[in-house]
Each structure stands twice: as structure tokens, then as C-alpha cells.
Amino acid sequence: MSGASEKQEILRGLSEAVVEMDDQGVVDLCKEALEKGIDVYTAISEGLTKGMKRAGELYNKGEYFIPELILCSDVLYAGLDILTPHLQTSKKARKRKIIIGVVEGDVHDIGKNLVKAMFTAAGWEVDDLGSDVKLEMFGDEQRKVQADVVGLSALMTTSMLAIPTATKILRRSKSVPFILVGGAPLSEQIAKQYQADGYAADAVKATAVAEELLRDKPE
């Protein structure tokens, strides 16, 4: 097998391992990629990321569901844990940044964790504040990291009422981010009512919505 075909086989294997939820497979292939001298950024973007995107497509088709996406994201992170320490960040352009968190009063974090996985796979720098996040913390964190986007999640009708307050806090930031919201009780209409910039119905759509917001950003 030539070097080029061997590289493609490893990249294809990484993608398949994520889709097939194969933890050991992705660990072995990541180690092999390092041994063979495959560029780490390529292994992530053309291997792991492609696999997570395919898992998202299967979710959209109704072939995968939340449990499968969670397992795929676990495999993604297993691979990233091996590869990212070897990543030469100087070779890459500035990463887009997102702060994510579930608003205070709400401890449901499965959806937020999937959003984190999808943004990580798409090459974003993700600052995960966790769940039951005090609203002022979103503003404090934005002042520190100056993210491009802040993602607010709420899974209950009671907790989603905190989103307008969080939005007002973020609008006071010196570097005002795009505000993206999501969660079961929310909708496009409610997002607009809450003065958010975008709404994502699920984790798979979140990255596309965020990237669209940045594309439309005036220079």
C-alpha cells in the first residue's frame, strides 16, 4: 500500500470509527496516524470531524437518535484527547469562539453537551460553562474571552424565561457576541421575541446557524 493510500485508509477508518461508535478503533487509529506522521489537523478535520458530521446527517435522516449521537461524540473526544496535544496551533487561523451554557435553574445538559461536540468537530474553540449557569456569568465570561457567539440553552419552560435577561446582560458587553438559543421549549418565534440573533432546533443545526450569523456579519 502506498503512503497516500495508507493515509486515506487511516482517515477513512477514523471517520468510520466515530460513526460506528468504536472507542478502541479510534484510539488505535489516532495512534497509528501519529506514528505514520499524518498531519494532526488533517486527521482531525478529514477523519474525526467527517465522522461526526456523518453522524449528524444520520440523525437528520432519522437513522440515528440522541443516544447514538452521544456515543459518537464520546468517540470523537477519545480521538481528540490523543491528537490535540500534538496539534501545532500556529499553523491554523484564529479559531472561532463560542461560549455555551444552560441557564440558571436548569440542569439538563445532554443537548448542550451535543452542541459542544458538534462545535468542537467543526473546529470551534468551545468555552463550556456547564449547566445551571448564573446569568451574570455569561457576561463575565464574554468580557474575558470575547467569543464570536454565545449559546444559551434551556430545556424547561420555567428556565427559558431567564434567556431575555441573559441576552440583555450580553448586549451590555463591550464585544457584543451573536446570541444563539436552543432547547425543547424554544422556537424561532420565541427566539426573536427574546432578542436572540439565531435559533437552532437541535445540536446538528447549531453550527450551521452560527456560521451563517458570522457570514452575514457586516465588516
N, C-alpha and C. Protein backbone atom coordinates (compact mmCIF):
# COMPACT_ATOMS: atom_id res chain seq x y z
N MET A 1 0.85 -1.20 0.00
CA MET A 1 0.00 0.00 0.00
C MET A 1 0.89 1.25 0.00
N SER A 2 0.63 2.20 -0.91
CA SER A 2 1.43 3.42 -0.99
C SER A 2 1.14 4.30 0.22
N GLY A 3 2.05 5.28 0.44
CA GLY A 3 1.86 6.18 1.57
C GLY A 3 0.57 6.95 1.49
N ALA A 4 0.21 7.42 0.28
CA ALA A 4 -1.01 8.21 0.10
C ALA A 4 -2.25 7.38 0.37
N SER A 5 -2.25 6.14 -0.15
CA SER A 5 -3.44 5.30 0.04
C SER A 5 -3.55 4.85 1.50
N GLU A 6 -2.40 4.64 2.14
CA GLU A 6 -2.41 4.26 3.56
C GLU A 6 -2.98 5.40 4.39
N LYS A 7 -2.58 6.64 4.05
CA LYS A 7 -3.10 7.81 4.76
C LYS A 7 -4.61 7.90 4.59
N GLN A 8 -5.11 7.73 3.38
CA GLN A 8 -6.54 7.81 3.12
C GLN A 8 -7.30 6.71 3.86
N GLU A 9 -6.67 5.54 3.96
CA GLU A 9 -7.30 4.42 4.67
C GLU A 9 -7.44 4.75 6.16
N ILE A 10 -6.42 5.37 6.74
CA ILE A 10 -6.47 5.74 8.15
C ILE A 10 -7.52 6.82 8.38
N LEU A 11 -7.57 7.82 7.50
CA LEU A 11 -8.55 8.89 7.63
C LEU A 11 -9.98 8.35 7.51
N ARG A 12 -10.16 7.45 6.55
CA ARG A 12 -11.47 6.82 6.36
C ARG A 12 -11.83 6.00 7.59
N GLY A 13 -10.84 5.30 8.14
CA GLY A 13 -11.07 4.49 9.33
C GLY A 13 -11.46 5.33 10.54
N LEU A 14 -10.83 6.50 10.68
CA LEU A 14 -11.19 7.40 11.78
C LEU A 14 -12.63 7.86 11.67
N SER A 15 -13.02 8.23 10.46
CA SER A 15 -14.40 8.66 10.23
C SER A 15 -15.39 7.54 10.55
N GLU A 16 -15.08 6.34 10.07
CA GLU A 16 -15.96 5.19 10.31
C GLU A 16 -16.03 4.85 11.80
N ALA A 17 -14.92 4.96 12.49
CA ALA A 17 -14.90 4.63 13.92
C ALA A 17 -15.83 5.54 14.70
N VAL A 18 -15.86 6.84 14.34
CA VAL A 18 -16.77 7.77 15.01
C VAL A 18 -18.21 7.38 14.72
N VAL A 19 -18.52 7.14 13.45
CA VAL A 19 -19.89 6.79 13.06
C VAL A 19 -20.34 5.49 13.71
N GLU A 20 -19.41 4.54 13.82
CA GLU A 20 -19.75 3.21 14.36
C GLU A 20 -19.59 3.14 15.88
N MET A 21 -19.26 4.31 16.50
CA MET A 21 -19.16 4.38 17.97
C MET A 21 -18.11 3.41 18.52
N ASP A 22 -16.97 3.33 17.82
CA ASP A 22 -15.91 2.38 18.13
C ASP A 22 -14.77 3.09 18.88
N ASP A 23 -14.85 3.11 20.21
CA ASP A 23 -13.85 3.80 21.02
C ASP A 23 -12.43 3.27 20.78
N GLN A 24 -12.28 1.96 20.89
CA GLN A 24 -10.94 1.37 20.76
C GLN A 24 -10.40 1.57 19.35
N GLY A 25 -11.28 1.47 18.36
CA GLY A 25 -10.86 1.66 16.98
C GLY A 25 -10.30 3.05 16.75
N VAL A 26 -10.98 4.06 17.30
CA VAL A 26 -10.50 5.43 17.08
C VAL A 26 -9.20 5.68 17.83
N VAL A 27 -9.05 5.11 19.01
CA VAL A 27 -7.80 5.25 19.78
C VAL A 27 -6.64 4.64 18.99
N ASP A 28 -6.82 3.41 18.50
CA ASP A 28 -5.76 2.73 17.74
C ASP A 28 -5.39 3.50 16.48
N LEU A 29 -6.41 4.00 15.77
CA LEU A 29 -6.15 4.71 14.52
C LEU A 29 -5.50 6.07 14.75
N CYS A 30 -5.85 6.73 15.84
CA CYS A 30 -5.19 8.01 16.15
C CYS A 30 -3.71 7.79 16.45
N LYS A 31 -3.42 6.74 17.19
CA LYS A 31 -2.02 6.42 17.49
C LYS A 31 -1.27 6.06 16.21
N GLU A 32 -1.93 5.33 15.33
CA GLU A 32 -1.31 4.96 14.05
C GLU A 32 -1.07 6.20 13.19
N ALA A 33 -2.03 7.11 13.21
CA ALA A 33 -1.88 8.36 12.43
C ALA A 33 -0.65 9.13 12.89
N LEU A 34 -0.43 9.18 14.21
CA LEU A 34 0.74 9.87 14.75
C LEU A 34 2.03 9.14 14.36
N GLU A 35 2.00 7.82 14.44
CA GLU A 35 3.18 7.02 14.08
C GLU A 35 3.55 7.19 12.61
N LYS A 36 2.54 7.31 11.76
CA LYS A 36 2.77 7.43 10.31
C LYS A 36 3.07 8.87 9.89
N GLY A 37 3.03 9.79 10.84
CA GLY A 37 3.35 11.17 10.52
C GLY A 37 2.26 11.92 9.77
N ILE A 38 1.03 11.46 9.90
CA ILE A 38 -0.09 12.16 9.26
C ILE A 38 -0.32 13.48 10.00
N ASP A 39 -0.49 14.54 9.23
CA ASP A 39 -0.74 15.86 9.82
C ASP A 39 -1.92 15.78 10.79
N VAL A 40 -1.71 16.28 12.00
CA VAL A 40 -2.72 16.14 13.06
C VAL A 40 -4.00 16.89 12.71
N TYR A 41 -3.87 18.09 12.16
CA TYR A 41 -5.06 18.86 11.79
C TYR A 41 -5.86 18.11 10.72
N THR A 42 -5.16 17.46 9.79
CA THR A 42 -5.83 16.67 8.76
C THR A 42 -6.55 15.47 9.36
N ALA A 43 -5.89 14.82 10.31
CA ALA A 43 -6.52 13.66 10.97
C ALA A 43 -7.80 14.07 11.68
N ILE A 44 -7.79 15.26 12.28
CA ILE A 44 -8.98 15.74 12.98
C ILE A 44 -10.07 16.14 11.99
N SER A 45 -9.69 16.98 11.01
CA SER A 45 -10.70 17.54 10.10
C SER A 45 -11.21 16.54 9.08
N GLU A 46 -10.31 15.71 8.54
CA GLU A 46 -10.70 14.76 7.49
C GLU A 46 -11.08 13.38 8.05
N GLY A 47 -10.79 13.16 9.32
CA GLY A 47 -11.13 11.89 9.95
C GLY A 47 -12.24 12.04 10.97
N LEU A 48 -11.89 12.54 12.16
CA LEU A 48 -12.85 12.64 13.25
C LEU A 48 -14.04 13.55 12.92
N THR A 49 -13.73 14.73 12.39
CA THR A 49 -14.80 15.69 12.10
C THR A 49 -15.76 15.16 11.04
N LYS A 50 -15.21 14.55 10.00
CA LYS A 50 -16.07 13.97 8.96
C LYS A 50 -17.00 12.93 9.55
N GLY A 51 -16.49 12.14 10.48
CA GLY A 51 -17.31 11.11 11.12
C GLY A 51 -18.45 11.72 11.91
N MET A 52 -18.16 12.79 12.67
CA MET A 52 -19.21 13.42 13.47
C MET A 52 -20.24 14.08 12.58
N LYS A 53 -19.80 14.65 11.46
CA LYS A 53 -20.75 15.24 10.52
C LYS A 53 -21.65 14.17 9.91
N ARG A 54 -21.08 13.03 9.61
CA ARG A 54 -21.89 11.93 9.07
C ARG A 54 -22.90 11.44 10.10
N ALA A 55 -22.47 11.40 11.37
CA ALA A 55 -23.41 11.01 12.43
C ALA A 55 -24.56 12.01 12.49
N GLY A 56 -24.25 13.30 12.31
CA GLY A 56 -25.29 14.33 12.29
C GLY A 56 -26.25 14.15 11.13
N GLU A 57 -25.71 13.76 9.98
CA GLU A 57 -26.57 13.51 8.81
C GLU A 57 -27.50 12.32 9.06
N LEU A 58 -26.97 11.30 9.71
CA LEU A 58 -27.80 10.13 10.03
C LEU A 58 -28.90 10.51 11.02
N TYR A 59 -28.57 11.43 11.92
CA TYR A 59 -29.59 11.92 12.86
C TYR A 59 -30.69 12.66 12.10
N ASN A 60 -30.30 13.50 11.16
CA ASN A 60 -31.28 14.25 10.38
C ASN A 60 -32.18 13.33 9.55
N LYS A 61 -31.62 12.19 9.15
CA LYS A 61 -32.40 11.23 8.35
C LYS A 61 -33.28 10.34 9.22
N GLY A 62 -33.14 10.45 10.54
CA GLY A 62 -33.92 9.62 11.44
C GLY A 62 -33.35 8.23 11.63
N GLU A 63 -32.08 8.03 11.19
CA GLU A 63 -31.44 6.72 11.36
C GLU A 63 -30.68 6.64 12.68
N TYR A 64 -30.22 7.77 13.17
CA TYR A 64 -29.60 7.86 14.48
C TYR A 64 -30.48 8.73 15.37
N PHE A 65 -30.38 8.50 16.69
CA PHE A 65 -31.14 9.29 17.64
C PHE A 65 -30.18 9.84 18.69
N ILE A 66 -30.69 10.53 19.70
CA ILE A 66 -29.83 11.19 20.69
C ILE A 66 -28.82 10.22 21.32
N PRO A 67 -29.22 9.00 21.73
CA PRO A 67 -28.22 8.09 22.34
C PRO A 67 -27.05 7.79 21.40
N GLU A 68 -27.34 7.60 20.11
CA GLU A 68 -26.26 7.33 19.15
C GLU A 68 -25.35 8.55 19.00
N LEU A 69 -25.94 9.73 18.94
CA LEU A 69 -25.12 10.95 18.82
C LEU A 69 -24.22 11.13 20.03
N ILE A 70 -24.73 10.80 21.20
CA ILE A 70 -23.92 10.92 22.42
C ILE A 70 -22.72 9.96 22.36
N LEU A 71 -22.96 8.73 21.93
CA LEU A 71 -21.88 7.75 21.81
C LEU A 71 -20.86 8.18 20.76
N CYS A 72 -21.35 8.72 19.64
CA CYS A 72 -20.43 9.20 18.60
C CYS A 72 -19.57 10.35 19.14
N SER A 73 -20.18 11.24 19.91
CA SER A 73 -19.42 12.36 20.47
C SER A 73 -18.39 11.88 21.48
N ASP A 74 -18.71 10.83 22.23
CA ASP A 74 -17.74 10.25 23.16
C ASP A 74 -16.51 9.74 22.41
N VAL A 75 -16.76 9.10 21.27
CA VAL A 75 -15.65 8.57 20.45
C VAL A 75 -14.85 9.73 19.86
N LEU A 76 -15.54 10.76 19.41
CA LEU A 76 -14.86 11.96 18.90
C LEU A 76 -13.88 12.49 19.94
N TYR A 77 -14.34 12.66 21.18
CA TYR A 77 -13.48 13.21 22.23
C TYR A 77 -12.34 12.26 22.59
N ALA A 78 -12.58 10.96 22.50
CA ALA A 78 -11.50 10.00 22.74
C ALA A 78 -10.36 10.21 21.74
N GLY A 79 -10.75 10.46 20.49
CA GLY A 79 -9.74 10.74 19.46
C GLY A 79 -9.07 12.08 19.66
N LEU A 80 -9.84 13.10 20.00
CA LEU A 80 -9.28 14.43 20.21
C LEU A 80 -8.31 14.45 21.37
N ASP A 81 -8.59 13.65 22.41
CA ASP A 81 -7.70 13.59 23.57
C ASP A 81 -6.31 13.13 23.17
N ILE A 82 -6.23 12.27 22.16
CA ILE A 82 -4.94 11.77 21.70
C ILE A 82 -4.27 12.74 20.73
N LEU A 83 -5.06 13.33 19.84
CA LEU A 83 -4.48 14.14 18.76
C LEU A 83 -4.18 15.59 19.15
N THR A 84 -5.07 16.22 19.91
CA THR A 84 -4.90 17.66 20.14
C THR A 84 -3.59 18.06 20.85
N PRO A 85 -3.02 17.23 21.75
CA PRO A 85 -1.73 17.63 22.33
C PRO A 85 -0.62 17.77 21.29
N HIS A 86 -0.80 17.17 20.11
CA HIS A 86 0.22 17.22 19.07
C HIS A 86 -0.09 18.26 18.00
N LEU A 87 -1.15 19.02 18.22
CA LEU A 87 -1.59 20.00 17.23
C LEU A 87 -0.74 21.26 17.34
N GLN A 88 -0.18 21.68 16.21
CA GLN A 88 0.60 22.91 16.18
C GLN A 88 -0.34 24.05 15.84
N THR A 89 -0.81 24.74 16.87
CA THR A 89 -1.83 25.76 16.67
C THR A 89 -1.33 26.93 15.82
N SER A 90 -0.03 27.12 15.76
CA SER A 90 0.49 28.23 14.97
C SER A 90 0.19 28.08 13.49
N LYS A 91 -0.07 26.87 13.05
CA LYS A 91 -0.34 26.62 11.64
C LYS A 91 -1.75 26.98 11.24
N LYS A 92 -2.59 27.20 12.23
CA LYS A 92 -4.01 27.40 11.92
C LYS A 92 -4.41 28.86 12.09
N ALA A 93 -5.46 29.23 11.39
CA ALA A 93 -6.03 30.57 11.56
C ALA A 93 -6.71 30.65 12.93
N ARG A 94 -6.98 31.88 13.36
CA ARG A 94 -7.66 32.05 14.64
C ARG A 94 -8.97 31.28 14.66
N LYS A 95 -9.14 30.51 15.72
CA LYS A 95 -10.38 29.73 15.84
C LYS A 95 -11.55 30.64 16.17
N ARG A 96 -12.69 30.31 15.63
CA ARG A 96 -13.91 30.97 16.07
C ARG A 96 -14.23 30.47 17.48
N LYS A 97 -14.79 31.36 18.29
CA LYS A 97 -15.04 31.00 19.69
C LYS A 97 -16.53 31.05 20.00
N ILE A 98 -16.97 30.10 20.81
CA ILE A 98 -18.34 30.11 21.30
C ILE A 98 -18.34 29.80 22.80
N ILE A 99 -19.13 30.53 23.54
CA ILE A 99 -19.41 30.22 24.94
C ILE A 99 -20.77 29.54 24.97
N ILE A 100 -20.87 28.40 25.65
CA ILE A 100 -22.16 27.73 25.76
C ILE A 100 -22.48 27.43 27.22
N GLY A 101 -23.77 27.37 27.52
CA GLY A 101 -24.19 27.02 28.87
C GLY A 101 -25.69 26.91 28.97
N VAL A 102 -26.14 26.14 29.94
CA VAL A 102 -27.57 26.02 30.25
C VAL A 102 -27.88 27.05 31.32
N VAL A 103 -28.91 27.85 31.11
CA VAL A 103 -29.20 28.96 32.02
C VAL A 103 -29.57 28.46 33.42
N GLU A 104 -29.44 29.37 34.38
CA GLU A 104 -29.68 29.00 35.78
C GLU A 104 -31.10 28.48 35.99
N GLY A 105 -31.18 27.54 36.93
CA GLY A 105 -32.45 26.89 37.20
C GLY A 105 -32.69 25.65 36.37
N ASP A 106 -31.72 25.31 35.51
CA ASP A 106 -31.89 24.18 34.59
C ASP A 106 -30.61 23.35 34.59
N VAL A 107 -30.73 22.06 34.92
CA VAL A 107 -29.55 21.19 35.00
C VAL A 107 -29.50 20.17 33.85
N HIS A 108 -30.39 20.29 32.88
CA HIS A 108 -30.43 19.35 31.75
C HIS A 108 -29.32 19.70 30.76
N ASP A 109 -28.32 18.85 30.65
CA ASP A 109 -27.17 19.23 29.83
C ASP A 109 -26.85 18.29 28.67
N ILE A 110 -27.71 17.31 28.39
CA ILE A 110 -27.41 16.39 27.28
C ILE A 110 -27.35 17.16 25.95
N GLY A 111 -28.36 18.00 25.71
CA GLY A 111 -28.37 18.77 24.47
C GLY A 111 -27.17 19.69 24.37
N LYS A 112 -26.84 20.36 25.48
CA LYS A 112 -25.68 21.26 25.49
C LYS A 112 -24.40 20.51 25.21
N ASN A 113 -24.26 19.30 25.74
CA ASN A 113 -23.06 18.50 25.51
C ASN A 113 -22.95 18.09 24.03
N LEU A 114 -24.07 17.83 23.41
CA LEU A 114 -24.05 17.51 21.97
C LEU A 114 -23.66 18.74 21.15
N VAL A 115 -24.17 19.90 21.56
CA VAL A 115 -23.79 21.15 20.89
C VAL A 115 -22.27 21.34 20.98
N LYS A 116 -21.72 21.09 22.15
CA LYS A 116 -20.27 21.20 22.35
C LYS A 116 -19.53 20.27 21.39
N ALA A 117 -20.00 19.04 21.27
CA ALA A 117 -19.34 18.07 20.39
C ALA A 117 -19.38 18.54 18.94
N MET A 118 -20.54 19.05 18.50
CA MET A 118 -20.67 19.46 17.11
C MET A 118 -19.80 20.69 16.81
N PHE A 119 -19.72 21.63 17.73
CA PHE A 119 -18.87 22.81 17.51
C PHE A 119 -17.39 22.42 17.57
N THR A 120 -17.03 21.53 18.48
CA THR A 120 -15.64 21.06 18.55
C THR A 120 -15.26 20.38 17.24
N ALA A 121 -16.15 19.54 16.74
CA ALA A 121 -15.89 18.84 15.48
C ALA A 121 -15.76 19.81 14.32
N ALA A 122 -16.47 20.93 14.39
CA ALA A 122 -16.43 21.92 13.31
C ALA A 122 -15.24 22.87 13.44
N GLY A 123 -14.39 22.65 14.45
CA GLY A 123 -13.17 23.43 14.58
C GLY A 123 -13.28 24.69 15.43
N TRP A 124 -14.37 24.82 16.18
CA TRP A 124 -14.54 25.99 17.04
C TRP A 124 -13.82 25.77 18.37
N GLU A 125 -13.45 26.86 19.00
CA GLU A 125 -12.97 26.83 20.39
C GLU A 125 -14.20 26.98 21.27
N VAL A 126 -14.46 25.97 22.10
CA VAL A 126 -15.70 25.93 22.88
C VAL A 126 -15.39 26.18 24.35
N ASP A 127 -16.04 27.18 24.91
CA ASP A 127 -15.93 27.50 26.34
C ASP A 127 -17.25 27.07 26.98
N ASP A 128 -17.21 25.91 27.62
CA ASP A 128 -18.42 25.29 28.18
C ASP A 128 -18.58 25.69 29.64
N LEU A 129 -19.61 26.48 29.94
CA LEU A 129 -19.85 26.91 31.32
C LEU A 129 -20.65 25.90 32.13
N GLY A 130 -21.17 24.87 31.45
CA GLY A 130 -21.92 23.84 32.16
C GLY A 130 -23.41 24.14 32.22
N SER A 131 -24.06 23.63 33.26
CA SER A 131 -25.50 23.83 33.42
C SER A 131 -25.77 24.66 34.68
N ASP A 132 -27.02 25.14 34.80
CA ASP A 132 -27.43 25.98 35.92
C ASP A 132 -26.47 27.16 36.10
N VAL A 133 -26.20 27.84 34.98
CA VAL A 133 -25.22 28.92 34.96
C VAL A 133 -25.87 30.25 35.38
N LYS A 134 -25.30 30.90 36.37
CA LYS A 134 -25.77 32.22 36.78
C LYS A 134 -25.69 33.17 35.59
N LEU A 135 -26.72 33.97 35.38
CA LEU A 135 -26.81 34.77 34.17
C LEU A 135 -25.67 35.76 34.04
N GLU A 136 -25.24 36.36 35.14
CA GLU A 136 -24.13 37.31 35.08
C GLU A 136 -22.84 36.65 34.60
N MET A 137 -22.74 35.32 34.81
CA MET A 137 -21.52 34.62 34.41
C MET A 137 -21.33 34.65 32.89
N PHE A 138 -22.44 34.65 32.14
CA PHE A 138 -22.31 34.72 30.69
C PHE A 138 -21.64 36.04 30.29
N GLY A 139 -22.07 37.14 30.91
CA GLY A 139 -21.47 38.44 30.63
C GLY A 139 -20.03 38.52 31.08
N ASP A 140 -19.75 37.98 32.27
CA ASP A 140 -18.38 37.98 32.80
C ASP A 140 -17.45 37.20 31.87
N GLU A 141 -17.91 36.05 31.43
CA GLU A 141 -17.08 35.21 30.57
C GLU A 141 -16.86 35.87 29.21
N GLN A 142 -17.90 36.52 28.69
CA GLN A 142 -17.75 37.21 27.40
C GLN A 142 -16.73 38.34 27.48
N ARG A 143 -16.71 39.04 28.59
CA ARG A 143 -15.71 40.11 28.75
C ARG A 143 -14.30 39.54 28.77
N LYS A 144 -14.16 38.31 29.28
CA LYS A 144 -12.83 37.69 29.35
C LYS A 144 -12.37 37.13 28.01
N VAL A 145 -13.24 36.37 27.33
CA VAL A 145 -12.80 35.63 26.14
C VAL A 145 -13.21 36.27 24.82
N GLN A 146 -14.18 37.21 24.85
CA GLN A 146 -14.65 37.87 23.64
C GLN A 146 -14.99 36.87 22.54
N ALA A 147 -15.94 36.01 22.85
CA ALA A 147 -16.38 34.98 21.90
C ALA A 147 -17.14 35.61 20.74
N ASP A 148 -17.18 34.88 19.63
CA ASP A 148 -17.95 35.31 18.47
C ASP A 148 -19.44 35.07 18.70
N VAL A 149 -19.74 33.97 19.39
CA VAL A 149 -21.12 33.55 19.62
C VAL A 149 -21.26 33.09 21.06
N VAL A 150 -22.41 33.37 21.66
CA VAL A 150 -22.76 32.78 22.96
C VAL A 150 -24.03 31.96 22.76
N GLY A 151 -23.96 30.70 23.16
CA GLY A 151 -25.11 29.80 23.04
C GLY A 151 -25.79 29.60 24.38
N LEU A 152 -27.08 29.95 24.44
CA LEU A 152 -27.87 29.80 25.67
C LEU A 152 -28.87 28.67 25.48
N SER A 153 -28.90 27.76 26.43
CA SER A 153 -29.79 26.61 26.33
C SER A 153 -30.75 26.56 27.52
N ALA A 154 -31.98 26.16 27.24
CA ALA A 154 -32.97 25.95 28.29
C ALA A 154 -33.85 24.78 27.88
N LEU A 155 -34.09 23.88 28.80
CA LEU A 155 -34.88 22.69 28.50
C LEU A 155 -36.23 22.69 29.19
N MET A 156 -36.52 23.75 29.94
CA MET A 156 -37.80 23.83 30.64
C MET A 156 -38.45 25.18 30.36
N THR A 157 -39.78 25.20 30.36
CA THR A 157 -40.49 26.46 30.11
C THR A 157 -40.22 27.48 31.22
N THR A 158 -39.95 27.00 32.41
CA THR A 158 -39.65 27.93 33.52
C THR A 158 -38.26 28.53 33.35
N SER A 159 -37.28 27.71 33.01
CA SER A 159 -35.91 28.22 32.90
C SER A 159 -35.71 29.08 31.66
N MET A 160 -36.49 28.84 30.60
CA MET A 160 -36.28 29.63 29.39
C MET A 160 -36.63 31.11 29.62
N LEU A 161 -37.39 31.40 30.66
CA LEU A 161 -37.76 32.78 30.97
C LEU A 161 -36.54 33.61 31.40
N ALA A 162 -35.43 32.92 31.70
CA ALA A 162 -34.21 33.63 32.08
C ALA A 162 -33.43 34.13 30.86
N ILE A 163 -33.76 33.62 29.68
CA ILE A 163 -32.97 33.95 28.49
C ILE A 163 -33.01 35.44 28.15
N PRO A 164 -34.18 36.12 28.18
CA PRO A 164 -34.17 37.56 27.87
C PRO A 164 -33.23 38.36 28.78
N THR A 165 -33.16 37.99 30.05
CA THR A 165 -32.26 38.68 30.98
C THR A 165 -30.81 38.42 30.59
N ALA A 166 -30.48 37.18 30.27
CA ALA A 166 -29.12 36.84 29.84
C ALA A 166 -28.76 37.60 28.57
N THR A 167 -29.72 37.72 27.67
CA THR A 167 -29.49 38.45 26.43
C THR A 167 -29.18 39.91 26.70
N LYS A 168 -29.94 40.53 27.61
CA LYS A 168 -29.69 41.94 27.96
C LYS A 168 -28.31 42.12 28.56
N ILE A 169 -27.91 41.18 29.40
CA ILE A 169 -26.58 41.25 30.01
C ILE A 169 -25.50 41.19 28.94
N LEU A 170 -25.66 40.29 27.98
CA LEU A 170 -24.66 40.13 26.92
C LEU A 170 -24.63 41.33 25.99
N ARG A 171 -25.77 41.98 25.79
CA ARG A 171 -25.82 43.16 24.93
C ARG A 171 -25.03 44.33 25.54
N ARG A 172 -24.78 44.25 26.84
CA ARG A 172 -24.02 45.31 27.51
C ARG A 172 -22.50 45.09 27.39
N SER A 173 -22.11 43.93 26.85
CA SER A 173 -20.68 43.62 26.73
C SER A 173 -20.02 44.57 25.72
N LYS A 174 -18.75 44.86 25.96
CA LYS A 174 -18.01 45.73 25.03
C LYS A 174 -17.92 45.06 23.67
N SER A 175 -17.64 43.76 23.66
CA SER A 175 -17.63 43.00 22.42
C SER A 175 -18.91 42.17 22.39
N VAL A 176 -19.94 42.72 21.77
CA VAL A 176 -21.25 42.06 21.78
C VAL A 176 -21.21 40.85 20.84
N PRO A 177 -21.48 39.65 21.36
CA PRO A 177 -21.46 38.46 20.53
C PRO A 177 -22.81 38.25 19.84
N PHE A 178 -22.81 37.34 18.86
CA PHE A 178 -24.09 36.85 18.37
C PHE A 178 -24.65 35.92 19.43
N ILE A 179 -25.95 35.98 19.66
CA ILE A 179 -26.58 35.15 20.68
C ILE A 179 -27.43 34.09 20.01
N LEU A 180 -27.09 32.84 20.29
CA LEU A 180 -27.76 31.69 19.71
C LEU A 180 -28.49 30.95 20.83
N VAL A 181 -29.75 30.62 20.63
CA VAL A 181 -30.51 29.92 21.66
C VAL A 181 -31.07 28.61 21.13
N GLY A 182 -31.33 27.70 22.06
CA GLY A 182 -31.90 26.41 21.69
C GLY A 182 -32.43 25.69 22.91
N GLY A 183 -33.20 24.66 22.66
CA GLY A 183 -33.80 23.88 23.74
C GLY A 183 -35.25 23.56 23.42
N ALA A 184 -35.74 22.50 24.01
CA ALA A 184 -37.07 21.97 23.68
C ALA A 184 -38.21 22.98 23.71
N PRO A 185 -38.31 23.88 24.71
CA PRO A 185 -39.46 24.77 24.76
C PRO A 185 -39.35 25.98 23.84
N LEU A 186 -38.18 26.17 23.21
CA LEU A 186 -37.96 27.36 22.39
C LEU A 186 -38.37 27.12 20.94
N SER A 187 -38.49 28.21 20.22
CA SER A 187 -38.83 28.16 18.79
C SER A 187 -38.23 29.38 18.12
N GLU A 188 -38.30 29.43 16.80
CA GLU A 188 -37.81 30.59 16.05
C GLU A 188 -38.51 31.87 16.52
N GLN A 189 -39.80 31.77 16.69
CA GLN A 189 -40.60 32.93 17.10
C GLN A 189 -40.21 33.42 18.49
N ILE A 190 -40.05 32.47 19.43
CA ILE A 190 -39.66 32.85 20.79
C ILE A 190 -38.26 33.44 20.80
N ALA A 191 -37.37 32.88 20.00
CA ALA A 191 -36.00 33.40 19.92
C ALA A 191 -36.00 34.87 19.49
N LYS A 192 -36.81 35.19 18.50
CA LYS A 192 -36.91 36.59 18.05
C LYS A 192 -37.51 37.46 19.15
N GLN A 193 -38.52 36.94 19.83
CA GLN A 193 -39.15 37.67 20.93
C GLN A 193 -38.15 37.96 22.05
N TYR A 194 -37.20 37.02 22.24
CA TYR A 194 -36.19 37.17 23.29
C TYR A 194 -34.97 37.96 22.82
N GLN A 195 -35.03 38.49 21.59
CA GLN A 195 -33.95 39.32 21.04
C GLN A 195 -32.66 38.53 20.79
N ALA A 196 -32.81 37.23 20.53
CA ALA A 196 -31.64 36.42 20.16
C ALA A 196 -31.36 36.62 18.66
N ASP A 197 -30.12 36.36 18.26
CA ASP A 197 -29.75 36.51 16.85
C ASP A 197 -30.08 35.26 16.03
N GLY A 198 -30.12 34.12 16.70
CA GLY A 198 -30.38 32.88 15.98
C GLY A 198 -30.99 31.82 16.87
N TYR A 199 -31.63 30.85 16.23
CA TYR A 199 -32.25 29.72 16.94
C TYR A 199 -31.86 28.43 16.24
N ALA A 200 -31.49 27.43 17.02
CA ALA A 200 -31.16 26.11 16.47
C ALA A 200 -32.08 25.07 17.10
N ALA A 201 -32.78 24.33 16.26
CA ALA A 201 -33.72 23.33 16.75
C ALA A 201 -33.01 22.15 17.39
N ASP A 202 -31.77 21.89 17.01
CA ASP A 202 -31.02 20.78 17.61
C ASP A 202 -29.52 21.04 17.46
N ALA A 203 -28.73 20.16 18.05
CA ALA A 203 -27.27 20.34 18.07
C ALA A 203 -26.67 20.28 16.68
N VAL A 204 -27.24 19.46 15.81
CA VAL A 204 -26.70 19.31 14.46
C VAL A 204 -26.83 20.61 13.68
N LYS A 205 -27.94 21.31 13.87
CA LYS A 205 -28.17 22.56 13.12
C LYS A 205 -27.43 23.75 13.73
N ALA A 206 -27.00 23.64 14.98
CA ALA A 206 -26.44 24.79 15.69
C ALA A 206 -25.21 25.37 15.00
N THR A 207 -24.30 24.52 14.54
CA THR A 207 -23.08 25.04 13.91
C THR A 207 -23.41 25.77 12.61
N ALA A 208 -24.34 25.23 11.85
CA ALA A 208 -24.71 25.88 10.59
C ALA A 208 -25.31 27.26 10.84
N VAL A 209 -26.16 27.37 11.87
CA VAL A 209 -26.78 28.66 12.20
C VAL A 209 -25.71 29.65 12.65
N ALA A 210 -24.79 29.20 13.50
CA ALA A 210 -23.73 30.09 13.99
C ALA A 210 -22.84 30.57 12.85
N GLU A 211 -22.49 29.67 11.95
CA GLU A 211 -21.63 30.05 10.84
C GLU A 211 -22.34 31.00 9.89
N GLU A 212 -23.63 30.83 9.74
CA GLU A 212 -24.41 31.74 8.90
C GLU A 212 -24.44 33.15 9.53
N LEU A 213 -24.56 33.21 10.84
CA LEU A 213 -24.54 34.50 11.53
C LEU A 213 -23.22 35.23 11.28
N LEU A 214 -22.13 34.49 11.35
CA LEU A 214 -20.81 35.11 11.14
C LEU A 214 -20.59 35.51 9.69
N ARG A 215 -21.14 34.72 8.76
CA ARG A 215 -21.03 35.09 7.34
C ARG A 215 -21.75 36.40 7.05
N ASP A 216 -22.87 36.60 7.72
CA ASP A 216 -23.68 37.80 7.48
C ASP A 216 -23.22 39.00 8.28
N LYS A 217 -22.19 38.83 9.10
CA LYS A 217 -21.70 39.92 9.95
C LYS A 217 -21.12 41.03 9.09
N PRO A 218 -21.56 42.27 9.26
CA PRO A 218 -21.01 43.37 8.46
C PRO A 218 -19.56 43.63 8.81
N GLU A 219 -18.80 43.96 7.82
CA GLU A 219 -17.36 44.25 8.04
C GLU A 219 -17.19 45.62 8.70
